[in-house]
C-alpha atoms as a PDB file:
ATOM      1  CA  MET A   1       0.000   0.000   0.000  1.00  0.00           C
ATOM      2  CA  PRO A   2       2.761   2.570   0.713  1.00  0.00           C
ATOM      3  CA  TRP A   3       4.125   1.949  -2.779  1.00  0.00           C
ATOM      4  CA  ILE A   4       0.707   2.480  -4.394  1.00  0.00           C
ATOM      5  CA  GLN A   5       0.195   5.628  -2.329  1.00  0.00           C
ATOM      6  CA  SER A   6       3.525   6.998  -3.544  1.00  0.00           C
ATOM      7  CA  VAL A   7       3.189   6.250  -7.274  1.00  0.00           C
ATOM      8  CA  PHE A   8      -0.526   6.779  -7.953  1.00  0.00           C
ATOM      9  CA  PRO A   9      -1.083  10.297  -9.413  1.00  0.00           C
ATOM     10  CA  GLY A  10      -3.610  12.892  -8.385  1.00  0.00           C
ATOM     11  CA  LYS A  11      -3.403  12.656  -4.601  1.00  0.00           C
ATOM     12  CA  GLY A  12      -6.489  14.267  -3.060  1.00  0.00           C
ATOM     13  CA  THR A  13      -8.702  13.797  -6.145  1.00  0.00           C
ATOM     14  CA  TRP A  14     -11.825  11.603  -6.376  1.00  0.00           C
ATOM     15  CA  LEU A  15      -9.937   9.169  -8.606  1.00  0.00           C
ATOM     16  CA  TYR A  16      -7.186   8.791  -6.017  1.00  0.00           C
ATOM     17  CA  PHE A  17      -9.687   8.219  -3.205  1.00  0.00           C
ATOM     18  CA  ILE A  18     -11.561   5.579  -5.214  1.00  0.00           C
ATOM     19  CA  PHE A  19      -8.512   3.580  -6.321  1.00  0.00           C
ATOM     20  CA  VAL A  20      -6.072   4.160  -3.447  1.00  0.00           C
ATOM     21  CA  GLY A  21      -8.309   5.439  -0.663  1.00  0.00           C
ATOM     22  CA  ASP A  22      -7.524   7.776   2.173  1.00  0.00           C
ATOM     23  CA  PRO A  23      -3.928   9.055   1.669  1.00  0.00           C
ATOM     24  CA  ALA A  24      -3.506   9.244   5.460  1.00  0.00           C
ATOM     25  CA  ALA A  25      -4.422   5.572   5.966  1.00  0.00           C
ATOM     26  CA  GLU A  26      -1.728   3.398   7.501  1.00  0.00           C
ATOM     27  CA  THR A  27      -3.315  -0.019   6.816  1.00  0.00           C
ATOM     28  CA  CYS A  28      -5.532  -1.536   4.137  1.00  0.00           C
ATOM     29  CA  PHE A  29      -8.307  -1.848   6.729  1.00  0.00           C
ATOM     30  CA  GLU A  30      -8.504   1.957   6.812  1.00  0.00           C
ATOM     31  CA  SER A  31      -7.983   3.013   3.207  1.00  0.00           C
ATOM     32  CA  PHE A  32     -11.174   1.670   1.467  1.00  0.00           C
ATOM     33  CA  GLY A  33      -9.463   1.972  -1.940  1.00  0.00           C
ATOM     34  CA  VAL A  34     -10.076  -0.466  -4.803  1.00  0.00           C
ATOM     35  CA  LEU A  35      -6.346  -1.275  -5.216  1.00  0.00           C
ATOM     36  CA  THR A  36      -5.696  -1.423  -1.462  1.00  0.00           C
ATOM     37  CA  SER A  37      -8.633  -2.658   0.652  1.00  0.00           C
ATOM     38  CA  GLY A  38     -10.412  -4.048  -2.419  1.00  0.00           C
ATOM     39  CA  LEU A  39      -7.592  -6.501  -3.137  1.00  0.00           C
ATOM     40  CA  PHE A  40      -5.991  -7.007   0.271  1.00  0.00           C
ATOM     41  CA  LEU A  41      -9.156  -8.018   2.158  1.00  0.00           C
ATOM     42  CA  PRO A  42     -10.319 -10.834  -0.170  1.00  0.00           C
ATOM     43  CA  ILE A  43      -6.847 -12.121  -1.142  1.00  0.00           C
ATOM     44  CA  GLY A  44      -4.664 -11.360   1.869  1.00  0.00           C
ATOM     45  CA  VAL A  45      -7.169 -12.029   4.666  1.00  0.00           C
ATOM     46  CA  VAL A  46     -10.064 -14.136   3.390  1.00  0.00           C
ATOM     47  CA  LEU A  47      -8.480 -16.465   0.811  1.00  0.00           C
ATOM     48  CA  PRO A  48      -6.227 -18.357   3.280  1.00  0.00           C
ATOM     49  CA  ALA A  49      -9.268 -19.131   5.466  1.00  0.00           C
ATOM     50  CA  ILE A  50     -11.262 -20.239   2.412  1.00  0.00           C
ATOM     51  CA  ILE A  51      -8.519 -22.644   1.284  1.00  0.00           C
ATOM     52  CA  ALA A  52      -8.095 -24.106   4.785  1.00  0.00           C
ATOM     53  CA  PHE A  53     -11.830 -24.679   5.220  1.00  0.00           C
ATOM     54  CA  TYR A  54     -12.347 -26.298   1.826  1.00  0.00           C
ATOM     55  CA  LEU A  55      -9.318 -28.539   2.343  1.00  0.00           C
ATOM     56  CA  VAL A  56     -10.900 -30.009   5.483  1.00  0.00           C
ATOM     57  CA  LEU A  57     -14.400 -30.171   3.975  1.00  0.00           C
ATOM     58  CA  SER A  58     -13.193 -31.857   0.783  1.00  0.00           C
ATOM     59  CA  PHE A  59     -11.306 -34.447   2.844  1.00  0.00           C
ATOM     60  CA  LEU A  60     -14.413 -35.242   4.933  1.00  0.00           C
ATOM     61  CA  GLU A  61     -16.521 -35.541   1.780  1.00  0.00           C
ATOM     62  CA  ASP A  62     -14.036 -37.837   0.083  1.00  0.00           C
ATOM     63  CA  VAL A  63     -13.697 -40.293   2.983  1.00  0.00           C
ATOM     64  CA  GLY A  64     -17.496 -40.477   3.366  1.00  0.00           C
ATOM     65  CA  TYR A  65     -17.829 -38.950   6.830  1.00  0.00           C
ATOM     66  CA  LEU A  66     -20.652 -36.445   6.262  1.00  0.00           C
ATOM     67  CA  PRO A  67     -23.496 -39.050   6.003  1.00  0.00           C
ATOM     68  CA  ARG A  68     -22.296 -40.553   9.293  1.00  0.00           C
ATOM     69  CA  LEU A  69     -22.268 -37.130  10.900  1.00  0.00           C
ATOM     70  CA  ALA A  70     -25.881 -36.675   9.732  1.00  0.00           C
ATOM     71  CA  VAL A  71     -26.898 -39.886  11.517  1.00  0.00           C
ATOM     72  CA  LEU A  72     -24.971 -38.992  14.687  1.00  0.00           C
ATOM     73  CA  ILE A  73     -26.580 -35.564  15.025  1.00  0.00           C
ATOM     74  CA  ASP A  74     -30.085 -36.602  13.931  1.00  0.00           C
ATOM     75  CA  GLY A  75     -31.431 -36.833  17.493  1.00  0.00           C
ATOM     76  CA  LEU A  76     -30.276 -33.326  18.388  1.00  0.00           C
ATOM     77  CA  LEU A  77     -31.600 -31.669  15.229  1.00  0.00           C
ATOM     78  CA  HIS A  78     -34.953 -33.444  15.578  1.00  0.00           C
ATOM     79  CA  ARG A  79     -35.520 -31.360  18.701  1.00  0.00           C
ATOM     80  CA  ILE A  80     -35.759 -28.267  16.497  1.00  0.00           C
ATOM     81  CA  GLY A  81     -37.827 -29.862  13.722  1.00  0.00           C
ATOM     82  CA  LEU A  82     -34.984 -30.843  11.385  1.00  0.00           C
ATOM     83  CA  HIS A  83     -33.287 -34.149  10.746  1.00  0.00           C
ATOM     84  CA  GLY A  84     -29.645 -35.104  10.589  1.00  0.00           C
ATOM     85  CA  TYR A  85     -29.171 -34.246   6.908  1.00  0.00           C
ATOM     86  CA  ALA A  86     -29.568 -30.570   7.859  1.00  0.00           C
ATOM     87  CA  ILE A  87     -25.982 -30.684   9.142  1.00  0.00           C
ATOM     88  CA  VAL A  88     -24.793 -30.911   5.506  1.00  0.00           C
ATOM     89  CA  PRO A  89     -26.147 -27.486   4.389  1.00  0.00           C
ATOM     90  CA  THR A  90     -24.989 -26.104   7.749  1.00  0.00           C
ATOM     91  CA  ILE A  91     -21.406 -27.243   7.143  1.00  0.00           C
ATOM     92  CA  LEU A  92     -21.486 -26.139   3.497  1.00  0.00           C
ATOM     93  CA  SER A  93     -22.669 -22.699   4.638  1.00  0.00           C
ATOM     94  CA  LEU A  94     -19.548 -22.384   6.773  1.00  0.00           C
ATOM     95  CA  GLY A  95     -17.791 -22.240   3.414  1.00  0.00           C
ATOM     96  CA  CYS A  96     -20.412 -20.207   1.536  1.00  0.00           C
ATOM     97  CA  ASN A  97     -24.114 -19.678   2.226  1.00  0.00           C
ATOM     98  CA  VAL A  98     -25.060 -20.063  -1.451  1.00  0.00           C
ATOM     99  CA  PRO A  99     -24.224 -23.813  -1.791  1.00  0.00           C
ATOM    100  CA  GLY A 100     -25.622 -24.219   1.728  1.00  0.00           C
ATOM    101  CA  CYS A 101     -28.994 -22.900   0.558  1.00  0.00           C
ATOM    102  CA  ILE A 102     -28.885 -25.121  -2.541  1.00  0.00           C
ATOM    103  CA  ALA A 103     -28.176 -28.132  -0.296  1.00  0.00           C
ATOM    104  CA  CYS A 104     -31.500 -27.464   1.488  1.00  0.00           C
ATOM    105  CA  ARG A 105     -33.408 -28.786  -1.541  1.00  0.00           C
ATOM    106  CA  PRO A 106     -33.173 -32.510  -0.557  1.00  0.00           C
ATOM    107  CA  LEU A 107     -34.983 -31.791   2.743  1.00  0.00           C
ATOM    108  CA  GLU A 108     -38.375 -33.514   2.508  1.00  0.00           C
ATOM    109  CA  THR A 109     -40.848 -30.787   3.469  1.00  0.00           C
ATOM    110  CA  ARG A 110     -41.276 -27.085   2.732  1.00  0.00           C
ATOM    111  CA  LYS A 111     -41.251 -26.369   6.472  1.00  0.00           C
ATOM    112  CA  GLN A 112     -37.791 -27.885   6.860  1.00  0.00           C
ATOM    113  CA  ARG A 113     -36.432 -26.076   3.802  1.00  0.00           C
ATOM    114  CA  PHE A 114     -37.773 -22.730   5.050  1.00  0.00           C
ATOM    115  CA  MET A 115     -36.416 -23.288   8.562  1.00  0.00           C
ATOM    116  CA  MET A 116     -33.004 -24.327   7.281  1.00  0.00           C
ATOM    117  CA  MET A 117     -32.623 -21.341   4.941  1.00  0.00           C
ATOM    118  CA  ALA A 118     -33.760 -18.944   7.681  1.00  0.00           C
ATOM    119  CA  LEU A 119     -31.210 -20.417  10.104  1.00  0.00           C
ATOM    120  CA  LEU A 120     -28.432 -20.298   7.498  1.00  0.00           C
ATOM    121  CA  GLY A 121     -29.214 -16.725   6.510  1.00  0.00           C
ATOM    122  CA  VAL A 122     -29.065 -15.500  10.112  1.00  0.00           C
ATOM    123  CA  PHE A 123     -26.694 -17.633  12.143  1.00  0.00           C
ATOM    124  CA  ILE A 124     -24.153 -19.353   9.866  1.00  0.00           C
ATOM    125  CA  PRO A 125     -21.130 -17.193   8.917  1.00  0.00           C
ATOM    126  CA  CYS A 126     -19.239 -18.135   5.762  1.00  0.00           C
ATOM    127  CA  ALA A 127     -15.523 -18.906   5.735  1.00  0.00           C
ATOM    128  CA  ALA A 128     -14.786 -15.422   4.405  1.00  0.00           C
ATOM    129  CA  GLN A 129     -16.505 -13.867   7.424  1.00  0.00           C
ATOM    130  CA  ILE A 130     -14.738 -16.251   9.766  1.00  0.00           C
ATOM    131  CA  GLY A 131     -11.367 -15.324   8.265  1.00  0.00           C
ATOM    132  CA  MET A 132     -12.127 -11.643   8.763  1.00  0.00           C
ATOM    133  CA  MET A 133     -13.253 -12.265  12.353  1.00  0.00           C
ATOM    134  CA  GLN A 134     -10.024 -14.111  13.025  1.00  0.00           C
ATOM    135  CA  ALA A 135      -8.070 -11.112  11.766  1.00  0.00           C
ATOM    136  CA  LEU A 136      -9.990  -8.543  13.842  1.00  0.00           C
ATOM    137  CA  ILE A 137     -11.038 -10.257  17.091  1.00  0.00           C
ATOM    138  CA  PRO A 138      -9.144 -13.561  17.386  1.00  0.00           C
ATOM    139  CA  GLU A 139      -9.463 -13.601  21.182  1.00  0.00           C
ATOM    140  CA  MET A 140     -13.295 -13.259  21.070  1.00  0.00           C
ATOM    141  CA  ILE A 141     -14.247 -15.354  18.057  1.00  0.00           C
ATOM    142  CA  GLY A 142     -15.259 -18.240  20.328  1.00  0.00           C
ATOM    143  CA  PHE A 143     -17.843 -16.017  22.039  1.00  0.00           C
ATOM    144  CA  VAL A 144     -19.189 -14.972  18.632  1.00  0.00           C
ATOM    145  CA  PHE A 145     -19.765 -18.612  17.715  1.00  0.00           C
ATOM    146  CA  LEU A 146     -21.307 -19.328  21.115  1.00  0.00           C
ATOM    147  CA  GLY A 147     -23.872 -16.591  20.520  1.00  0.00           C
ATOM    148  CA  LEU A 148     -24.590 -17.871  16.998  1.00  0.00           C
ATOM    149  CA  VAL A 149     -25.027 -21.481  18.155  1.00  0.00           C
ATOM    150  CA  ILE A 150     -27.428 -20.417  20.927  1.00  0.00           C
ATOM    151  CA  GLY A 151     -29.443 -18.405  18.396  1.00  0.00           C
ATOM    152  CA  TYR A 152     -29.411 -21.277  15.853  1.00  0.00           C
ATOM    153  CA  PHE A 153     -31.028 -23.743  18.248  1.00  0.00           C
ATOM    154  CA  SER A 154     -33.295 -21.197  19.975  1.00  0.00           C
ATOM    155  CA  LEU A 155     -34.747 -19.920  16.702  1.00  0.00           C
ATOM    156  CA  GLY A 156     -35.065 -23.472  15.368  1.00  0.00           C
ATOM    157  CA  PHE A 157     -36.996 -24.506  18.477  1.00  0.00           C
ATOM    158  CA  ILE A 158     -39.366 -21.524  18.138  1.00  0.00           C
ATOM    159  CA  LEU A 159     -39.940 -21.970  14.396  1.00  0.00           C
ATOM    160  CA  ASN A 160     -40.652 -25.663  14.856  1.00  0.00           C
ATOM    161  CA  ARG A 161     -43.424 -24.754  17.300  1.00  0.00           C
ATOM    162  CA  ILE A 162     -45.070 -21.928  15.345  1.00  0.00           C
ATOM    163  CA  TRP A 163     -44.495 -22.708  11.642  1.00  0.00           C
ATOM    164  CA  PRO A 164     -46.986 -25.172  10.122  1.00  0.00           C
ATOM    165  CA  GLY A 165     -45.775 -28.310   8.393  1.00  0.00           C
ATOM    166  CA  GLU A 166     -44.246 -31.725   8.992  1.00  0.00           C
ATOM    167  CA  SER A 167     -40.802 -32.892  10.091  1.00  0.00           C
ATOM    168  CA  PRO A 168     -40.412 -36.503   8.911  1.00  0.00           C
ATOM    169  CA  GLU A 169     -37.790 -38.985  10.058  1.00  0.00           C
ATOM    170  CA  ILE A 170     -34.436 -39.380   8.316  1.00  0.00           C
ATOM    171  CA  LEU A 171     -33.830 -42.109   5.729  1.00  0.00           C
ATOM    172  CA  MET A 172     -30.281 -42.146   4.376  1.00  0.00           C
ATOM    173  CA  ASP A 173     -27.913 -44.561   2.675  1.00  0.00           C
ATOM    174  CA  ILE A 174     -24.545 -44.707   4.478  1.00  0.00           C
ATOM    175  CA  PRO A 175     -21.661 -45.350   2.048  1.00  0.00           C
ATOM    176  CA  PRO A 176     -18.552 -47.195   3.269  1.00  0.00           C
ATOM    177  CA  TYR A 177     -15.436 -45.308   4.308  1.00  0.00           C
ATOM    178  CA  GLN A 178     -12.865 -45.007   1.562  1.00  0.00           C
ATOM    179  CA  ARG A 179      -9.395 -43.648   1.024  1.00  0.00           C
ATOM    180  CA  PRO A 180      -9.415 -39.995  -0.048  1.00  0.00           C
ATOM    181  CA  THR A 181      -8.349 -39.322  -3.609  1.00  0.00           C
ATOM    182  CA  TRP A 182      -6.060 -36.328  -3.514  1.00  0.00           C
ATOM    183  CA  GLY A 183      -6.850 -35.488  -7.119  1.00  0.00           C
ATOM    184  CA  ASN A 184     -10.539 -35.164  -6.193  1.00  0.00           C
ATOM    185  CA  ILE A 185      -9.692 -33.044  -3.167  1.00  0.00           C
ATOM    186  CA  TRP A 186      -7.497 -30.741  -5.223  1.00  0.00           C
ATOM    187  CA  ARG A 187     -10.218 -30.313  -7.892  1.00  0.00           C
ATOM    188  CA  LYS A 188     -12.824 -29.480  -5.239  1.00  0.00           C
ATOM    189  CA  ILE A 189     -10.544 -26.935  -3.581  1.00  0.00           C
ATOM    190  CA  TRP A 190      -9.701 -25.333  -6.925  1.00  0.00           C
ATOM    191  CA  SER A 191     -13.348 -25.218  -8.038  1.00  0.00           C
ATOM    192  CA  ARG A 192     -14.589 -23.688  -4.790  1.00  0.00           C
ATOM    193  CA  THR A 193     -11.801 -21.171  -4.286  1.00  0.00           C
ATOM    194  CA  SER A 194     -11.937 -20.053  -7.925  1.00  0.00           C
ATOM    195  CA  HIS A 195     -15.687 -19.585  -7.500  1.00  0.00           C
ATOM    196  CA  PHE A 196     -14.950 -17.375  -4.489  1.00  0.00           C
ATOM    197  CA  ALA A 197     -12.469 -15.351  -6.527  1.00  0.00           C
ATOM    198  CA  ARG A 198     -14.927 -14.883  -9.410  1.00  0.00           C
ATOM    199  CA  VAL A 199     -17.890 -13.944  -7.206  1.00  0.00           C
ATOM    200  CA  ALA A 200     -16.458 -12.294  -4.094  1.00  0.00           C
ATOM    201  CA  VAL A 201     -13.571 -10.169  -5.414  1.00  0.00           C
ATOM    202  CA  PRO A 202     -15.804  -8.087  -7.754  1.00  0.00           C
ATOM    203  CA  PHE A 203     -18.185  -7.454  -4.819  1.00  0.00           C
ATOM    204  CA  PHE A 204     -15.234  -6.272  -2.719  1.00  0.00           C
ATOM    205  CA  LEU A 205     -14.124  -3.882  -5.471  1.00  0.00           C
ATOM    206  CA  VAL A 206     -17.634  -2.526  -6.062  1.00  0.00           C
ATOM    207  CA  GLY A 207     -18.178  -2.224  -2.314  1.00  0.00           C
ATOM    208  CA  CYS A 208     -15.050  -0.102  -1.896  1.00  0.00           C
ATOM    209  CA  VAL A 209     -16.200   2.201  -4.707  1.00  0.00           C
ATOM    210  CA  ILE A 210     -19.662   2.604  -3.168  1.00  0.00           C
ATOM    211  CA  ILE A 211     -18.284   3.322   0.314  1.00  0.00           C
ATOM    212  CA  THR A 212     -15.765   5.861  -1.024  1.00  0.00           C
ATOM    213  CA  VAL A 213     -18.377   7.673  -3.137  1.00  0.00           C
ATOM    214  CA  LEU A 214     -20.736   7.832  -0.154  1.00  0.00           C
ATOM    215  CA  TYR A 215     -17.969   9.334   1.983  1.00  0.00           C
ATOM    216  CA  LEU A 216     -16.919  11.891  -0.638  1.00  0.00           C
ATOM    217  CA  SER A 217     -20.490  12.930  -1.502  1.00  0.00           C
ATOM    218  CA  GLY A 218     -21.593  13.285   2.108  1.00  0.00           C
ATOM    219  CA  GLY A 219     -24.024  10.396   1.796  1.00  0.00           C
ATOM    220  CA  MET A 220     -22.317   8.472   4.592  1.00  0.00           C
ATOM    221  CA  ASP A 221     -22.783  11.390   6.996  1.00  0.00           C
ATOM    222  CA  TRP A 222     -26.472  11.437   6.093  1.00  0.00           C
ATOM    223  CA  LEU A 223     -26.774   7.688   6.676  1.00  0.00           C
ATOM    224  CA  GLY A 224     -24.884   7.970   9.952  1.00  0.00           C
ATOM    225  CA  ASN A 225     -27.253  10.678  11.176  1.00  0.00           C
ATOM    226  CA  ALA A 226     -30.314   8.740  10.006  1.00  0.00           C
ATOM    227  CA  LEU A 227     -29.193   5.530  11.707  1.00  0.00           C
ATOM    228  CA  SER A 228     -27.816   7.242  14.799  1.00  0.00           C
ATOM    229  CA  PRO A 229     -30.882   6.582  16.997  1.00  0.00           C
ATOM    230  CA  VAL A 230     -30.552   2.858  16.345  1.00  0.00           C
ATOM    231  CA  LEU A 231     -26.771   2.569  16.277  1.00  0.00           C
ATOM    232  CA  SER A 232     -26.114   4.739  19.322  1.00  0.00           C
ATOM    233  CA  GLY A 233     -29.353   4.401  21.243  1.00  0.00           C
ATOM    234  CA  ALA A 234     -30.170   0.717  20.833  1.00  0.00           C
ATOM    235  CA  PHE A 235     -26.765  -0.823  20.131  1.00  0.00           C
ATOM    236  CA  GLY A 236     -24.267   1.611  21.684  1.00  0.00           C
ATOM    237  CA  LEU A 237     -22.268   1.944  18.447  1.00  0.00           C
ATOM    238  CA  PRO A 238     -20.859   5.098  16.794  1.00  0.00           C
ATOM    239  CA  GLN A 239     -22.296   6.551  13.587  1.00  0.00           C
ATOM    240  CA  GLU A 240     -19.215   5.389  11.641  1.00  0.00           C
ATOM    241  CA  THR A 241     -20.525   1.809  11.720  1.00  0.00           C
ATOM    242  CA  ALA A 242     -23.127   2.869   9.141  1.00  0.00           C
ATOM    243  CA  ALA A 243     -20.517   2.231   6.409  1.00  0.00           C
ATOM    244  CA  PRO A 244     -20.088  -1.475   7.244  1.00  0.00           C
ATOM    245  CA  LEU A 245     -23.875  -1.829   7.437  1.00  0.00           C
ATOM    246  CA  VAL A 246     -24.159  -0.510   3.882  1.00  0.00           C
ATOM    247  CA  ALA A 247     -21.371  -2.801   2.679  1.00  0.00           C
ATOM    248  CA  GLY A 248     -23.038  -5.760   4.381  1.00  0.00           C
ATOM    249  CA  PHE A 249     -25.712  -5.790   1.679  1.00  0.00           C
ATOM    250  CA  LEU A 250     -22.964  -6.741  -0.789  1.00  0.00           C
ATOM    251  CA  ARG A 251     -20.590  -8.903   1.266  1.00  0.00           C
ATOM    252  CA  LYS A 252     -20.596  -9.510   5.018  1.00  0.00           C
ATOM    253  CA  ASP A 253     -16.860 -10.226   5.020  1.00  0.00           C
ATOM    254  CA  LEU A 254     -16.220  -6.845   3.383  1.00  0.00           C
ATOM    255  CA  ALA A 255     -18.421  -5.222   6.024  1.00  0.00           C
ATOM    256  CA  ILE A 256     -16.508  -6.856   8.880  1.00  0.00           C
ATOM    257  CA  GLY A 257     -13.220  -5.866   7.238  1.00  0.00           C
ATOM    258  CA  LEU A 258     -14.313  -2.227   7.134  1.00  0.00           C
ATOM    259  CA  LEU A 259     -14.694  -2.285  10.918  1.00  0.00           C
ATOM    260  CA  GLY A 260     -10.904  -2.475  11.113  1.00  0.00           C
ATOM    261  CA  GLY A 261     -10.695   1.116   9.910  1.00  0.00           C
ATOM    262  CA  ILE A 262     -13.042   2.478  12.611  1.00  0.00           C
ATOM    263  CA  GLU A 263     -11.951   3.424  16.104  1.00  0.00           C
ATOM    264  CA  LEU A 264     -14.032   1.147  18.356  1.00  0.00           C
ATOM    265  CA  THR A 265     -13.690  -0.213  21.864  1.00  0.00           C
ATOM    266  CA  GLY A 266     -13.219  -3.959  22.237  1.00  0.00           C
ATOM    267  CA  TRP A 267     -16.876  -4.466  23.191  1.00  0.00           C
ATOM    268  CA  GLN A 268     -18.115  -2.256  20.348  1.00  0.00           C
ATOM    269  CA  MET A 269     -16.013  -4.278  17.907  1.00  0.00           C
ATOM    270  CA  PHE A 270     -17.426  -7.535  19.317  1.00  0.00           C
ATOM    271  CA  THR A 271     -20.997  -6.183  19.136  1.00  0.00           C
ATOM    272  CA  SER A 272     -20.491  -4.941  15.568  1.00  0.00           C
ATOM    273  CA  VAL A 273     -19.099  -8.283  14.387  1.00  0.00           C
ATOM    274  CA  VAL A 274     -21.993 -10.204  15.954  1.00  0.00           C
ATOM    275  CA  LEU A 275     -24.624  -7.879  14.483  1.00  0.00           C
ATOM    276  CA  LEU A 276     -23.046  -7.935  11.022  1.00  0.00           C
ATOM    277  CA  SER A 277     -22.909 -11.730  11.175  1.00  0.00           C
ATOM    278  CA  ILE A 278     -26.669 -12.001  11.712  1.00  0.00           C
ATOM    279  CA  TYR A 279     -28.059  -8.805  10.286  1.00  0.00           C
ATOM    280  CA  PHE A 280     -28.600  -9.622   6.609  1.00  0.00           C
ATOM    281  CA  PRO A 281     -27.441 -12.304   4.169  1.00  0.00           C
ATOM    282  CA  CYS A 282     -25.123 -11.152   1.395  1.00  0.00           C
ATOM    283  CA  LEU A 283     -26.678 -10.179  -1.935  1.00  0.00           C
ATOM    284  CA  ALA A 284     -25.954 -13.559  -3.587  1.00  0.00           C
ATOM    285  CA  THR A 285     -27.526 -15.521  -0.713  1.00  0.00           C
ATOM    286  CA  PHE A 286     -30.557 -13.241  -0.493  1.00  0.00           C
ATOM    287  CA  SER A 287     -31.121 -13.567  -4.252  1.00  0.00           C
ATOM    288  CA  LEU A 288     -31.161 -17.360  -3.885  1.00  0.00           C
ATOM    289  CA  ILE A 289     -33.519 -17.186  -0.895  1.00  0.00           C
ATOM    290  CA  ILE A 290     -35.940 -15.095  -2.998  1.00  0.00           C
ATOM    291  CA  LYS A 291     -35.754 -17.734  -5.717  1.00  0.00           C
ATOM    292  CA  GLU A 292     -36.318 -20.677  -3.358  1.00  0.00           C
ATOM    293  CA  GLU A 293     -39.023 -19.246  -1.060  1.00  0.00           C
ATOM    294  CA  ASN A 294     -42.554 -17.934  -1.626  1.00  0.00           C
ATOM    295  CA  TRP A 295     -43.583 -14.421  -0.597  1.00  0.00           C
ATOM    296  CA  LYS A 296     -44.888 -15.517   2.807  1.00  0.00           C
ATOM    297  CA  GLU A 297     -41.601 -17.235   3.638  1.00  0.00           C
ATOM    298  CA  ILE A 298     -39.555 -14.263   2.370  1.00  0.00           C
ATOM    299  CA  LEU A 299     -41.475 -11.844   4.611  1.00  0.00           C
ATOM    300  CA  ALA A 300     -41.092 -14.230   7.534  1.00  0.00           C
ATOM    301  CA  THR A 301     -37.339 -14.501   6.898  1.00  0.00           C
ATOM    302  CA  LEU A 302     -36.968 -10.706   6.814  1.00  0.00           C
ATOM    303  CA  GLY A 303     -39.004 -10.403  10.007  1.00  0.00           C
ATOM    304  CA  ILE A 304     -36.782 -12.987  11.685  1.00  0.00           C
ATOM    305  CA  LEU A 305     -33.655 -11.133  10.543  1.00  0.00           C
ATOM    306  CA  PHE A 306     -34.639  -7.727  11.896  1.00  0.00           C
ATOM    307  CA  THR A 307     -36.131  -9.106  15.111  1.00  0.00           C
ATOM    308  CA  THR A 308     -32.983 -11.110  15.812  1.00  0.00           C
ATOM    309  CA  VAL A 309     -30.727  -8.103  15.198  1.00  0.00           C
ATOM    310  CA  PHE A 310     -32.626  -5.926  17.674  1.00  0.00           C
ATOM    311  CA  ILE A 311     -32.754  -8.677  20.296  1.00  0.00           C
ATOM    312  CA  TYR A 312     -29.034  -9.404  20.020  1.00  0.00           C
ATOM    313  CA  GLY A 313     -28.100  -5.732  19.807  1.00  0.00           C
ATOM    314  CA  GLY A 314     -30.169  -4.850  22.875  1.00  0.00           C
ATOM    315  CA  VAL A 315     -28.870  -7.785  24.903  1.00  0.00           C
ATOM    316  CA  LEU A 316     -25.242  -7.016  24.020  1.00  0.00           C
ATOM    317  CA  ARG A 317     -25.775  -3.340  24.903  1.00  0.00           C
ATOM    318  CA  LEU A 318     -27.162  -4.316  28.318  1.00  0.00           C
ATOM    319  CA  ILE A 319     -24.321  -6.788  28.927  1.00  0.00           C
ATOM    320  CA  GLY A 320     -21.744  -4.154  27.984  1.00  0.00           C
ATOM    321  CA  MET A 321     -23.354  -1.609  30.308  1.00  0.00           C
ATOM    322  CA  GLY A 322     -23.451  -4.156  33.103  1.00  0.00           C
ATOM    323  CA  LEU A 323     -19.780  -4.995  32.616  1.00  0.00           C
ATOM    324  CA  GLY A 324     -18.860  -1.340  32.207  1.00  0.00           C
ATOM    325  CA  VAL A 325     -17.095  -1.979  28.882  1.00  0.00           C
ATOM    326  CA  THR A 326     -19.279  -0.037  26.411  1.00  0.00           C
END
């Protein structure tokens, strides 16, 4: 980044701010430029986590462990109206929510498919988000997952009680264990990581442009003022977190990365990461949810999203006030 800052012409112009970002920035988390944050966040921070996750997932798929995991966890998931196969879209969503949503299709009933997509859209962070969390709050990432797991099972329990439909028993064929084929594993890793590069990197670049234009045009100040009653009053967060909220509509990992350029206390950073993790699925996931669900289910999913955000935000604000760390 220092090299780009020194050689790129037109310091102080709109073009410089869009491509390089803030000339006073000291890290790529602060600059928001296309050639700095736009490339560093997806490639330097997220990609290593993506490769590591898909290496492990591809190995488990190749040896035939996932069907056994579905059988082992069937009893637990039945308590929230799902069966053991639901662990497969859950695990896939830890890589990317889009294939996770597609993997909901084999679930037998519409109730189970709706419940699973609602749970994935709210409580399952993708590997890109996880990589960004690890970069920003490595010492608190366990507490983030604890909160998400509690919400996953609590919401599942509630939806199973109030949403009409059936939850049939599991019927699965268990294949034998087999030696992993490293050629298969390599092809899966390459296919999935190249898909991330094709889909995610353009969203990062576009997101940086949008955020920079909003800052330069004064639109971000307007959004900050408009959202101030919610951000400050309900959640205890500064107006500057409006920028990550806007970016979250494109990519949640980009949104979490933008938090690194904002001066926040440790508890505010933790609260922001949790809220961004649950507040809205990325554009690609939401587009798939619209395709897979009917209008009633879409409205219910949106209602669940916003209700969950306000419950979590309010609870975290109260905890922070009680601990004196806000």
